[in-house]
Amino acid sequence: MNVKSLLGLPEELAVVAGLTLPQNNGLVEGKVNKLKLIKRMGYGRAGFPLLRQRVLHAL
């Protein structure tokens, strides 16, 4: 193996693992997306207590 192929090895392993393993971070990404949506919808309303209540109710 030459040096160039060794430098790309960690990225290749990450791609292979991401495509072959059953675990992924889709659930977490979905929760983050939902939180961002709630935050955008509440723009201009009451402060943090209402945001906290809406987030806890949604999750």
N, C-alpha and C. Protein backbone atom coordinates (compact mmCIF):
# COMPACT_ATOMS: atom_id res chain seq x y z
N MET A 1 0.83 -1.19 0.00
CA MET A 1 0.00 0.00 0.00
C MET A 1 0.87 1.24 0.00
N ASN A 2 0.47 2.22 -0.77
CA ASN A 2 1.21 3.47 -0.75
C ASN A 2 0.60 4.42 0.28
N VAL A 3 1.27 5.52 0.52
CA VAL A 3 0.87 6.46 1.57
C VAL A 3 -0.48 7.10 1.24
N LYS A 4 -0.74 7.39 -0.01
CA LYS A 4 -2.00 8.03 -0.39
C LYS A 4 -3.20 7.14 -0.05
N SER A 5 -3.09 5.87 -0.28
CA SER A 5 -4.21 4.98 0.02
C SER A 5 -4.41 4.83 1.52
N LEU A 6 -3.34 4.93 2.30
CA LEU A 6 -3.47 4.84 3.76
C LEU A 6 -4.15 6.08 4.34
N LEU A 7 -3.95 7.23 3.72
CA LEU A 7 -4.57 8.45 4.24
C LEU A 7 -6.09 8.43 4.08
N GLY A 8 -6.60 7.77 3.08
CA GLY A 8 -8.04 7.71 2.85
C GLY A 8 -8.71 6.57 3.57
N LEU A 9 -7.95 5.73 4.26
CA LEU A 9 -8.51 4.54 4.88
C LEU A 9 -9.56 4.83 5.95
N PRO A 10 -9.35 5.76 6.89
CA PRO A 10 -10.39 6.01 7.90
C PRO A 10 -11.72 6.46 7.29
N GLU A 11 -11.68 7.28 6.25
CA GLU A 11 -12.91 7.72 5.62
C GLU A 11 -13.62 6.55 4.96
N GLU A 12 -12.85 5.69 4.31
CA GLU A 12 -13.45 4.53 3.66
C GLU A 12 -14.09 3.61 4.68
N LEU A 13 -13.43 3.40 5.81
CA LEU A 13 -14.00 2.55 6.86
C LEU A 13 -15.28 3.16 7.42
N ALA A 14 -15.31 4.47 7.56
CA ALA A 14 -16.51 5.14 8.07
C ALA A 14 -17.67 4.99 7.10
N VAL A 15 -17.39 5.10 5.82
CA VAL A 15 -18.45 4.95 4.81
C VAL A 15 -18.97 3.52 4.80
N VAL A 16 -18.07 2.56 4.83
CA VAL A 16 -18.48 1.15 4.83
C VAL A 16 -19.30 0.85 6.08
N ALA A 17 -18.85 1.33 7.23
CA ALA A 17 -19.59 1.09 8.47
C ALA A 17 -20.96 1.75 8.41
N GLY A 18 -21.04 2.94 7.87
CA GLY A 18 -22.32 3.63 7.78
C GLY A 18 -23.31 2.94 6.87
N LEU A 19 -22.81 2.27 5.86
CA LEU A 19 -23.71 1.61 4.91
C LEU A 19 -24.05 0.18 5.31
N THR A 20 -23.24 -0.45 6.14
CA THR A 20 -23.47 -1.86 6.44
C THR A 20 -24.02 -2.12 7.83
N LEU A 21 -23.78 -1.25 8.79
CA LEU A 21 -24.24 -1.49 10.15
C LEU A 21 -25.69 -1.07 10.32
N PRO A 22 -26.45 -1.78 11.16
CA PRO A 22 -27.86 -1.43 11.35
C PRO A 22 -28.07 -0.17 12.19
N GLN A 23 -27.07 0.24 12.97
CA GLN A 23 -27.22 1.43 13.81
C GLN A 23 -26.96 2.68 12.97
N ASN A 24 -27.73 3.72 13.26
CA ASN A 24 -27.47 5.01 12.63
C ASN A 24 -27.97 6.11 13.57
N ASN A 25 -27.76 7.34 13.21
CA ASN A 25 -28.16 8.45 14.06
C ASN A 25 -29.41 9.13 13.54
N GLY A 26 -30.22 8.42 12.80
CA GLY A 26 -31.45 8.98 12.24
C GLY A 26 -32.42 9.45 13.30
N LEU A 27 -32.55 8.71 14.39
CA LEU A 27 -33.47 9.09 15.46
C LEU A 27 -33.04 10.41 16.09
N VAL A 28 -31.76 10.55 16.36
CA VAL A 28 -31.25 11.78 16.96
C VAL A 28 -31.43 12.95 16.00
N GLU A 29 -31.13 12.74 14.72
CA GLU A 29 -31.29 13.81 13.74
C GLU A 29 -32.75 14.25 13.65
N GLY A 30 -33.67 13.30 13.75
CA GLY A 30 -35.09 13.63 13.72
C GLY A 30 -35.50 14.48 14.91
N LYS A 31 -34.98 14.14 16.10
CA LYS A 31 -35.29 14.92 17.31
C LYS A 31 -34.73 16.34 17.19
N VAL A 32 -33.51 16.47 16.68
CA VAL A 32 -32.90 17.79 16.51
C VAL A 32 -33.72 18.62 15.53
N ASN A 33 -34.16 18.00 14.44
CA ASN A 33 -34.97 18.69 13.45
C ASN A 33 -36.28 19.18 14.07
N LYS A 34 -36.91 18.33 14.88
CA LYS A 34 -38.16 18.70 15.54
C LYS A 34 -37.95 19.85 16.52
N LEU A 35 -36.85 19.81 17.27
CA LEU A 35 -36.55 20.89 18.21
C LEU A 35 -36.35 22.22 17.49
N LYS A 36 -35.63 22.17 16.37
CA LYS A 36 -35.41 23.39 15.60
C LYS A 36 -36.72 23.94 15.05
N LEU A 37 -37.62 23.06 14.63
CA LEU A 37 -38.91 23.48 14.13
C LEU A 37 -39.72 24.16 15.23
N ILE A 38 -39.74 23.57 16.42
CA ILE A 38 -40.46 24.16 17.56
C ILE A 38 -39.88 25.52 17.89
N LYS A 39 -38.56 25.63 17.86
CA LYS A 39 -37.92 26.90 18.17
C LYS A 39 -38.29 27.97 17.14
N ARG A 40 -38.30 27.61 15.85
CA ARG A 40 -38.68 28.56 14.81
C ARG A 40 -40.14 28.98 14.95
N MET A 41 -41.01 28.03 15.27
CA MET A 41 -42.43 28.34 15.40
C MET A 41 -42.70 29.28 16.58
N GLY A 42 -41.87 29.22 17.62
CA GLY A 42 -42.09 30.03 18.79
C GLY A 42 -41.40 31.37 18.76
N TYR A 43 -40.83 31.73 17.63
CA TYR A 43 -40.10 32.99 17.55
C TYR A 43 -41.03 34.17 17.82
N GLY A 44 -40.66 35.04 18.75
CA GLY A 44 -41.45 36.22 19.07
C GLY A 44 -42.45 36.01 20.19
N ARG A 45 -42.59 34.80 20.67
CA ARG A 45 -43.52 34.53 21.76
C ARG A 45 -42.80 34.67 23.08
N ALA A 46 -43.47 34.21 24.13
CA ALA A 46 -42.89 34.29 25.47
C ALA A 46 -41.55 33.56 25.49
N GLY A 47 -40.78 33.80 26.52
CA GLY A 47 -39.40 33.35 26.58
C GLY A 47 -39.19 31.87 26.79
N PHE A 48 -38.14 31.58 27.51
CA PHE A 48 -37.66 30.22 27.67
C PHE A 48 -38.67 29.29 28.35
N PRO A 49 -39.43 29.71 29.36
CA PRO A 49 -40.37 28.77 30.00
C PRO A 49 -41.37 28.16 29.02
N LEU A 50 -41.90 28.96 28.09
CA LEU A 50 -42.84 28.41 27.11
C LEU A 50 -42.12 27.47 26.15
N LEU A 51 -40.94 27.85 25.71
CA LEU A 51 -40.16 26.99 24.81
C LEU A 51 -39.87 25.66 25.49
N ARG A 52 -39.46 25.71 26.75
CA ARG A 52 -39.16 24.49 27.51
C ARG A 52 -40.40 23.60 27.61
N GLN A 53 -41.54 24.20 27.89
CA GLN A 53 -42.78 23.45 28.02
C GLN A 53 -43.15 22.79 26.70
N ARG A 54 -43.02 23.52 25.61
CA ARG A 54 -43.37 22.96 24.30
C ARG A 54 -42.43 21.82 23.91
N VAL A 55 -41.13 21.98 24.21
CA VAL A 55 -40.16 20.94 23.87
C VAL A 55 -40.43 19.69 24.69
N LEU A 56 -40.64 19.84 25.98
CA LEU A 56 -40.89 18.67 26.82
C LEU A 56 -42.18 17.97 26.44
N HIS A 57 -43.17 18.72 26.02
CA HIS A 57 -44.44 18.12 25.60
C HIS A 57 -44.29 17.38 24.26
N ALA A 58 -43.47 17.92 23.37
CA ALA A 58 -43.31 17.33 22.04
C ALA A 58 -42.48 16.05 22.07
N LEU A 59 -41.52 15.97 22.98
CA LEU A 59 -40.65 14.79 23.00
C LEU A 59 -41.20 13.83 24.00
